[in-house]
Protein backbone atom coordinates (compact mmCIF):
# COMPACT_ATOMS: atom_id res chain seq x y z
CA MET A 1 108.73 120.48 143.64
CA SER A 2 105.04 121.03 143.12
CA LEU A 3 102.78 118.01 143.11
CA LEU A 4 101.05 119.35 140.02
CA THR A 5 103.19 119.98 137.00
CA ALA A 6 102.80 120.20 133.27
CA PRO A 7 101.81 116.66 132.26
CA ALA A 8 104.27 114.57 130.33
CA HIS A 9 101.36 112.93 128.49
CA ARG A 10 97.81 114.03 127.85
CA GLY A 11 95.66 113.42 130.92
CA SER A 12 98.64 113.44 133.28
CA VAL A 13 98.34 115.69 136.33
CA LEU A 14 100.73 114.29 138.92
CA SER A 15 104.43 115.02 138.73
CA THR A 16 107.00 112.23 138.65
CA THR A 17 107.74 112.66 142.35
CA ALA A 18 104.06 112.62 143.27
CA SER A 19 103.50 109.55 141.10
CA LEU A 20 106.40 107.77 142.82
CA GLY A 21 104.84 108.57 146.19
CA LEU A 22 101.43 107.36 145.06
CA LEU A 23 102.76 104.06 143.71
CA ALA A 24 104.82 103.46 146.85
CA SER A 25 101.70 104.17 148.92
CA LEU A 26 99.86 101.48 146.97
CA VAL A 27 102.41 98.86 148.02
CA VAL A 28 102.17 100.11 151.61
CA THR A 29 98.37 99.98 151.75
CA PHE A 30 98.04 96.67 149.89
CA LEU A 31 100.44 94.94 152.27
CA ALA A 32 99.06 96.82 155.27
CA ALA A 33 95.62 95.47 154.37
CA SER A 34 97.10 91.97 154.16
CA ALA A 35 98.46 92.36 157.72
CA VAL A 36 95.27 93.84 159.19
CA PRO A 37 93.63 90.47 160.02
CA THR A 38 96.66 89.26 162.04
CA PRO A 39 95.68 90.88 165.40
CA LEU A 40 92.04 90.02 164.67
CA TYR A 41 92.58 86.25 164.45
CA PRO A 42 92.16 85.77 168.24
CA VAL A 43 88.90 87.74 168.06
CA TYR A 44 87.59 85.62 165.19
CA GLN A 45 88.82 82.45 166.90
CA ALA A 46 87.00 83.35 170.14
CA GLU A 47 83.78 84.17 168.27
CA TRP A 48 83.75 81.24 165.86
CA GLY A 49 85.75 78.60 167.73
CA PHE A 50 88.25 77.47 165.11
CA SER A 51 91.71 75.93 165.64
CA PRO A 52 95.23 77.22 164.84
CA ILE A 53 95.14 75.08 161.69
CA THR A 54 92.25 77.19 160.44
CA THR A 55 94.17 80.38 161.22
CA THR A 56 97.15 79.31 159.14
CA VAL A 57 94.92 77.96 156.37
CA VAL A 58 93.17 81.34 156.12
CA PHE A 59 96.61 82.92 155.93
CA GLY A 60 97.83 80.32 153.43
CA VAL A 61 94.80 80.84 151.20
CA TYR A 62 95.84 84.47 150.87
CA ALA A 63 99.37 83.49 149.85
CA VAL A 64 98.05 81.02 147.27
CA ALA A 65 95.68 83.67 145.88
CA VAL A 66 98.56 86.14 145.58
CA LEU A 67 100.54 83.52 143.70
CA ALA A 68 97.60 82.95 141.35
CA GLY A 69 97.31 86.68 140.74
CA LEU A 70 101.03 86.97 140.09
CA LEU A 71 101.19 83.98 137.78
CA VAL A 72 98.11 84.84 135.71
CA LEU A 73 98.01 88.65 135.88
CA GLY A 74 101.56 89.60 136.88
CA ARG A 75 102.70 90.43 133.34
CA ILE A 76 99.56 91.94 131.89
CA SER A 77 100.49 95.53 132.76
CA ASP A 78 103.45 95.21 130.37
CA HIS A 79 100.82 94.90 127.60
CA VAL A 80 97.74 96.92 128.62
CA GLY A 81 99.46 99.57 130.74
CA ARG A 82 100.03 100.08 134.44
CA ARG A 83 96.97 102.21 135.26
CA PRO A 84 94.20 99.76 134.23
CA VAL A 85 95.78 96.99 136.29
CA LEU A 86 96.23 99.27 139.30
CA LEU A 87 92.59 100.40 139.15
CA ALA A 88 91.41 96.79 138.91
CA GLY A 89 93.60 95.87 141.88
CA LEU A 90 92.17 98.72 143.96
CA LEU A 91 88.63 97.67 143.08
CA GLY A 92 89.45 94.13 144.19
CA GLN A 93 90.77 95.44 147.50
CA VAL A 94 87.58 97.41 148.11
CA VAL A 95 85.50 94.28 147.47
CA ALA A 96 87.72 92.28 149.84
CA MET A 97 87.35 94.86 152.63
CA VAL A 98 83.57 94.78 152.28
CA VAL A 99 83.57 90.97 152.51
CA PHE A 100 85.82 91.10 155.59
CA ALA A 101 83.55 93.64 157.29
CA THR A 102 80.43 91.56 156.65
CA ALA A 103 81.89 88.09 157.32
CA VAL A 104 79.98 85.94 159.80
CA GLY A 105 82.23 82.88 159.72
CA VAL A 106 85.37 81.27 158.37
CA PRO A 107 84.00 80.94 154.80
CA GLY A 108 83.66 84.73 154.66
CA LEU A 109 87.28 85.15 155.75
CA MET A 110 88.35 82.67 153.08
CA VAL A 111 86.49 84.50 150.32
CA ALA A 112 87.86 87.86 151.45
CA ARG A 113 91.40 86.49 151.54
CA VAL A 114 91.09 85.03 148.05
CA VAL A 115 89.79 88.29 146.57
CA GLN A 116 92.42 90.28 148.44
CA GLY A 117 95.19 87.94 147.34
CA VAL A 118 94.28 88.01 143.66
CA ALA A 119 93.98 91.80 143.73
CA THR A 120 97.37 92.11 145.43
CA GLY A 121 99.05 89.66 143.07
CA ALA A 122 97.68 91.44 140.02
CA ALA A 123 98.82 94.85 141.22
CA LEU A 124 102.24 94.14 142.74
CA GLY A 125 104.00 93.60 139.42
CA ALA A 126 102.38 96.71 137.93
CA VAL A 127 103.24 98.89 140.93
CA GLY A 128 106.84 97.73 141.13
CA ALA A 129 107.40 98.08 137.40
CA GLY A 130 105.74 101.50 137.41
CA LEU A 131 108.10 102.71 140.13
CA LEU A 132 111.08 101.66 138.02
CA ASP A 133 109.56 103.20 134.89
CA LEU A 134 109.47 106.58 136.64
CA ASP A 135 112.88 106.48 138.33
CA ARG A 136 115.14 103.42 138.47
CA ARG A 137 117.11 104.35 141.56
CA ARG A 138 114.32 105.78 143.70
CA GLY A 139 111.91 103.17 142.37
CA ALA A 140 114.20 100.30 143.39
CA VAL A 141 114.49 101.72 146.93
CA ALA A 142 110.71 102.21 147.15
CA ASN A 143 110.14 98.65 145.94
CA ALA A 144 112.23 97.40 148.84
CA VAL A 145 111.10 99.82 151.59
CA ALA A 146 107.35 99.82 150.99
CA PRO A 147 106.55 96.12 151.76
CA GLY A 148 108.07 96.29 155.25
CA LEU A 149 106.48 99.65 155.94
CA GLY A 150 103.10 98.37 154.79
CA THR A 151 103.22 95.15 156.79
CA ALA A 152 104.36 97.00 159.93
CA SER A 153 101.75 99.75 159.70
CA GLY A 154 98.92 97.31 158.99
CA ALA A 155 99.77 95.18 162.01
CA LEU A 156 100.15 98.20 164.32
CA VAL A 157 97.01 100.05 163.22
CA SER A 158 94.91 96.91 163.41
CA SER A 159 96.26 96.08 166.88
CA PHE A 160 95.39 99.59 168.08
CA VAL A 161 91.88 99.38 166.65
CA VAL A 162 91.28 95.95 168.17
CA GLN A 163 92.38 97.13 171.60
CA PHE A 164 90.90 100.61 171.88
CA LEU A 165 88.15 101.27 169.33
CA PRO A 166 84.65 99.88 168.96
CA ALA A 167 83.61 97.36 166.30
CA PRO A 168 87.21 96.25 165.54
CA THR A 169 86.12 93.70 162.94
CA HIS A 170 84.38 96.44 160.96
CA LEU A 171 85.98 99.84 161.54
CA VAL A 172 89.46 99.03 160.23
CA TYR A 173 88.06 97.67 156.97
CA VAL A 174 85.83 100.73 156.42
CA ALA A 175 88.87 102.96 156.88
CA ALA A 176 90.80 100.88 154.34
CA VAL A 177 88.01 101.30 151.77
CA VAL A 178 88.27 105.09 152.08
CA VAL A 179 92.03 104.96 151.52
CA PHE A 180 91.71 102.70 148.47
CA VAL A 181 89.10 104.98 146.88
CA LEU A 182 91.34 108.02 147.34
CA GLN A 183 94.27 106.14 145.81
CA GLY A 184 92.10 105.21 142.85
CA VAL A 185 91.52 108.90 142.20
CA GLY A 186 95.28 109.42 142.32
CA VAL A 187 95.89 106.64 139.78
CA LEU A 188 93.45 108.35 137.40
CA LEU A 189 95.55 111.52 137.66
CA MET A 190 98.95 109.95 136.98
CA ARG A 191 100.39 109.37 133.53
CA GLU A 192 100.71 105.98 131.92
CA THR A 193 104.36 104.87 131.84
CA VAL A 194 104.24 102.20 129.12
CA THR A 195 102.83 102.05 125.62
CA PRO A 196 100.33 99.18 125.25
CA VAL A 197 101.58 96.33 123.07
CA ARG A 198 100.05 93.15 121.72
CA GLY A 199 100.07 89.90 123.64
CA ALA A 200 97.82 90.70 126.61
CA VAL A 201 95.77 87.51 126.29
CA ARG A 202 98.88 85.39 125.78
CA SER A 203 100.41 86.94 128.91
CA LEU A 204 97.60 85.42 131.01
CA VAL A 205 99.06 81.96 130.49
CA PRO A 206 101.15 81.28 133.62
CA GLU A 207 104.83 81.40 132.79
CA LEU A 208 107.88 81.72 134.98
CA SER A 209 110.45 82.19 132.22
CA LEU A 210 112.98 84.93 132.73
CA PRO A 211 114.91 87.08 130.26
CA PRO A 212 118.55 85.94 129.97
CA SER A 213 119.78 89.19 131.53
CA SER A 214 118.02 88.39 134.82
CA ARG A 215 118.29 84.63 135.24
CA ARG A 216 121.55 84.41 137.14
CA ALA A 217 120.60 87.23 139.50
CA VAL A 218 117.18 85.70 140.21
CA LEU A 219 118.71 82.30 140.98
CA GLY A 220 121.02 83.97 143.48
CA ALA A 221 118.24 85.99 145.08
CA ALA A 222 115.53 83.30 145.28
CA PRO A 223 116.86 81.38 148.35
CA VAL A 224 117.23 84.63 150.30
CA LEU A 225 113.72 85.78 149.42
CA PHE A 226 112.22 82.43 150.44
CA ALA A 227 114.02 82.48 153.80
CA VAL A 228 113.14 86.03 154.82
CA TRP A 229 109.49 85.74 153.82
CA ALA A 230 109.18 82.39 155.62
CA LEU A 231 110.00 84.28 158.80
CA ALA A 232 107.45 86.99 157.99
CA GLY A 233 104.84 84.30 157.40
CA PHE A 234 105.49 82.83 160.83
CA TYR A 235 104.93 86.17 162.57
CA ALA A 236 101.84 86.91 160.49
CA ALA A 237 100.15 83.55 161.04
CA LEU A 238 101.19 82.55 164.58
CA GLY A 239 102.58 85.82 165.99
CA PRO A 240 99.61 86.63 168.27
CA ALA A 241 99.72 83.17 169.90
CA ILE A 242 103.49 83.40 170.39
CA MET A 243 103.09 86.87 171.96
CA ARG A 244 100.74 85.45 174.58
CA VAL A 245 103.25 82.74 175.48
CA VAL A 246 106.24 85.07 175.69
CA THR A 247 104.57 87.94 177.55
CA GLY A 248 102.06 85.98 179.59
CA SER A 249 99.45 88.57 178.59
CA SER A 250 96.30 88.19 176.53
CA THR A 251 96.18 91.91 175.68
CA LEU A 252 95.05 92.13 172.08
CA LEU A 253 97.37 95.08 171.40
CA LEU A 254 100.29 92.66 171.56
CA GLY A 255 98.81 90.57 168.75
CA GLY A 256 100.51 92.47 165.96
CA LEU A 257 103.49 93.77 167.93
CA GLY A 258 105.90 91.04 166.85
CA LEU A 259 105.08 91.52 163.18
CA PHE A 260 105.28 95.31 163.63
CA VAL A 261 108.78 95.12 165.12
CA LEU A 262 109.99 92.68 162.47
CA ALA A 263 108.61 94.61 159.49
CA GLY A 264 109.22 98.09 160.95
CA VAL A 265 112.91 97.41 161.57
CA ALA A 266 113.08 95.87 158.11
CA ALA A 267 111.79 99.08 156.52
CA VAL A 268 114.31 101.20 158.45
CA ALA A 269 117.17 98.87 157.49
CA VAL A 270 116.19 99.07 153.82
CA TYR A 271 116.25 102.84 153.89
CA LEU A 272 119.55 103.13 155.76
CA LEU A 273 121.26 100.65 153.44
CA ARG A 274 119.79 102.00 150.22
CA ASP A 275 123.18 103.06 148.83
CA ALA A 276 125.17 100.02 149.96
CA ASP A 277 126.35 97.32 147.56
CA PRO A 278 123.44 94.89 146.95
CA ARG A 279 125.58 91.78 147.45
CA ALA A 280 126.89 93.10 150.78
CA VAL A 281 123.34 93.98 151.85
CA MET A 282 122.14 90.48 150.97
CA GLU A 283 124.97 88.89 152.94
CA LEU A 284 124.20 91.13 155.93
CA GLY A 285 120.58 90.03 155.69
CA ILE A 286 121.50 86.35 155.82
CA GLY A 287 123.75 86.82 158.83
CA ALA A 288 121.24 88.96 160.71
CA LEU A 289 118.50 86.43 159.97
CA VAL A 290 120.50 83.61 161.55
CA VAL A 291 121.48 85.64 164.62
CA GLY A 292 118.04 87.21 165.01
CA VAL A 293 116.06 83.98 164.80
CA GLY A 294 118.47 82.26 167.18
CA THR A 295 118.08 85.10 169.70
CA THR A 296 114.30 85.04 169.32
CA LEU A 297 114.20 81.33 170.11
CA MET A 298 116.40 81.98 173.13
CA GLY A 299 113.91 84.59 174.34
CA LEU A 300 111.07 82.12 173.89
CA ASP A 301 112.99 79.48 175.84
CA LEU A 302 113.79 81.90 178.67
CA GLY A 303 110.33 83.42 178.68
CA SER A 304 111.97 86.83 178.26
CA PRO A 305 110.06 89.42 176.21
CA THR A 306 113.19 91.62 176.12
CA VAL A 307 115.36 88.93 174.54
CA PHE A 308 112.52 87.89 172.24
CA PHE A 309 111.95 91.39 170.88
CA LEU A 310 115.70 92.02 170.60
CA GLY A 311 115.96 88.91 168.44
CA THR A 312 112.92 90.01 166.44
CA ALA A 313 114.57 93.38 165.77
CA VAL A 314 117.79 91.73 164.58
CA ALA A 315 115.75 89.35 162.44
CA GLY A 316 114.01 92.45 161.06
CA VAL A 317 117.38 93.72 159.86
CA GLY A 318 117.80 90.36 158.16
CA PHE A 319 114.34 90.54 156.62
CA GLY A 320 114.84 94.06 155.24
CA SER A 321 118.41 93.57 154.10
CA GLY A 322 117.76 90.21 152.48
CA PHE A 323 114.71 91.51 150.64
CA GLN A 324 116.36 94.76 149.55
CA GLY A 325 119.58 93.10 148.42
CA SER A 326 117.59 90.63 146.36
CA ILE A 327 115.38 93.25 144.68
CA ARG A 328 118.25 95.61 143.94
CA SER A 329 120.40 92.82 142.53
CA VAL A 330 117.75 91.86 140.01
CA MET A 331 115.44 94.69 139.01
CA PRO A 332 117.84 97.05 137.16
CA LEU A 333 118.62 94.24 134.70
CA PRO A 334 115.40 93.56 132.70
CA LEU A 335 114.16 95.85 129.94
CA PRO A 336 111.08 98.03 130.61
CA HIS A 337 108.66 95.60 128.96
CA GLU A 338 110.14 92.73 131.03
CA ARG A 339 110.05 94.37 134.47
CA ALA A 340 106.57 93.42 135.65
CA GLY A 341 107.14 89.79 134.72
CA VAL A 342 110.51 89.58 136.49
CA LEU A 343 109.19 91.30 139.61
CA SER A 344 106.24 88.92 139.61
CA VAL A 345 108.66 85.96 139.68
CA LEU A 346 110.42 87.45 142.71
CA TYR A 347 107.10 87.89 144.48
CA VAL A 348 106.09 84.31 143.60
CA VAL A 349 109.19 83.06 145.41
CA SER A 350 108.47 85.41 148.34
CA TYR A 351 104.86 84.33 148.77
CA LEU A 352 105.74 80.66 148.47
CA GLY A 353 108.16 81.23 151.34
CA MET A 354 105.54 83.11 153.33
CA GLY A 355 102.61 80.76 152.76
CA LEU A 356 103.74 77.14 152.63
CA PRO A 357 105.82 76.96 155.86
CA ALA A 358 103.11 78.84 157.79
CA VAL A 359 100.43 76.31 156.82
CA VAL A 360 102.73 73.43 157.79
CA ALA A 361 103.33 75.17 161.13
CA GLY A 362 99.59 75.39 161.76
CA VAL A 363 99.22 71.65 161.24
CA LEU A 364 102.15 70.93 163.56
CA VAL A 365 100.71 73.14 166.31
CA VAL A 366 97.58 70.96 166.48
CA ARG A 367 98.86 67.54 165.46
CA GLY A 368 102.51 67.80 166.46
CA GLY A 369 104.16 69.03 169.62
CA GLY A 370 102.14 72.20 170.18
CA LEU A 371 102.84 75.89 169.71
CA VAL A 372 106.20 76.26 171.45
CA GLU A 373 107.78 73.16 169.93
CA THR A 374 106.50 74.20 166.49
CA ALA A 375 108.06 77.64 166.99
CA TYR A 376 111.43 76.00 167.67
CA GLN A 377 111.11 73.76 164.62
CA TYR A 378 110.08 76.68 162.44
CA GLY A 379 112.93 78.83 163.72
CA PHE A 380 115.53 76.14 163.06
CA ALA A 381 114.07 75.63 159.58
CA VAL A 382 114.43 79.36 158.83
CA ILE A 383 118.03 79.27 160.03
CA ALA A 384 118.70 76.29 157.77
CA LEU A 385 117.14 78.14 154.83
CA ALA A 386 119.32 81.16 155.56
CA LEU A 387 122.44 79.00 155.60
CA LEU A 388 121.42 77.45 152.27
CA ALA A 389 120.95 80.96 150.92
CA ALA A 390 124.44 81.84 152.14
CA ALA A 391 125.87 78.85 150.32
CA ALA A 392 124.06 79.85 147.13
CA THR A 393 125.37 83.40 147.45
CA VAL A 394 128.95 82.22 147.94
CA ARG A 395 128.74 80.11 144.77
CA ARG A 396 128.03 83.20 142.68
CA SER A 397 130.98 84.74 140.88
CA PRO A 398 132.47 87.69 142.80
CA ARG A 399 133.13 89.50 139.53
CA ARG A 400 129.54 89.04 138.40
CA ALA A 401 128.19 90.13 141.77
CA ALA A 402 130.32 93.28 141.65
CA ASN A 403 128.97 94.09 138.20
CA LEU A 404 125.41 93.67 139.49
CA GLY A 405 126.07 96.04 142.35
CA THR A 406 127.52 98.66 140.02
CA SER A 407 124.53 98.30 137.72
CA CYS A 408 122.04 98.72 140.55
CA LEU A 409 123.69 101.84 141.92
CA GLY A 410 124.67 103.46 138.69
CA GLU A 411 121.59 103.17 136.48
CA SER A 412 118.94 105.84 136.82
């Protein structure tokens, strides 16, 4: 299929397939940009002399900013259209990259993370809803695959730049600006997928209400989302320090390797399981999370990188499966004008899981038993969350769950 086709609406240049690819790429690059600072934290820490608490606070500030963007701006694209929100989000990302590249201390990192978080929160609901507007089935898969792919690629690219290229705290951000500008051009060429409706100002009032059609599914998915993103938050905030303990090496390339393995395997698992029943995928995710985290802690205890990365890979299956099963159980249910709001609620749960436990872990590293003991405590907490999620999943009606699976696979 050609990328350029007869436009469905005036001003439209990109075909549906090209628009799907563009929107998926936005999720990838937004979350890749969020993972870029992870391998750079040791560099910043060495230059500016801050503690692990500061590292996790910088990370937590991003999660809080994403939540603010989701709560205040997550539904606005249902009223003003997807394209204006996407363009505003891209502009915010460009500003954040410039602040990162020119930062001379922790306050600069904080400002950059806040701007980046708000831009990401504002755009995630619009991107996810836009994908479903264009194609429910392919859009649902893209919504689940893209976050893992973005997080993995951001961590890997940043690690490579830090290790091998000059000016690591500048070059990676300049490259990101170029990508965001090109994507902005693409957004201008795609068609708008919703008709603007009244209520844009009212939609800015934070609200976590859900349409009746989605409430039961969201309640079932929320514990799983919180658990899997809590694990991702651990790797993003403290991964580089854990890598040095496990491998005994201070090579900066290893800084993002744990997060890359976790998120990369997650993306592959999402793709391979794209046609499986959502409930079964969610249950697989919970089981893999428990086994994977347990194996990872065993590798840390033994000082074995092989066991550690094996556990990380299994946990990655849990991350991808849990996230995909949750998204696919929920997102086919709301009406088009409800999609951005519902997806924003799911991301709120996810970023709460990613941000809050990571900040607590940073405090425990300094004021508790240190890095290794905190890693054990965090790992056991994630396992406990996964078991709670399993209990919540079991309580759901089998008949209802089967109907959700049929809906997710059959609607397009």
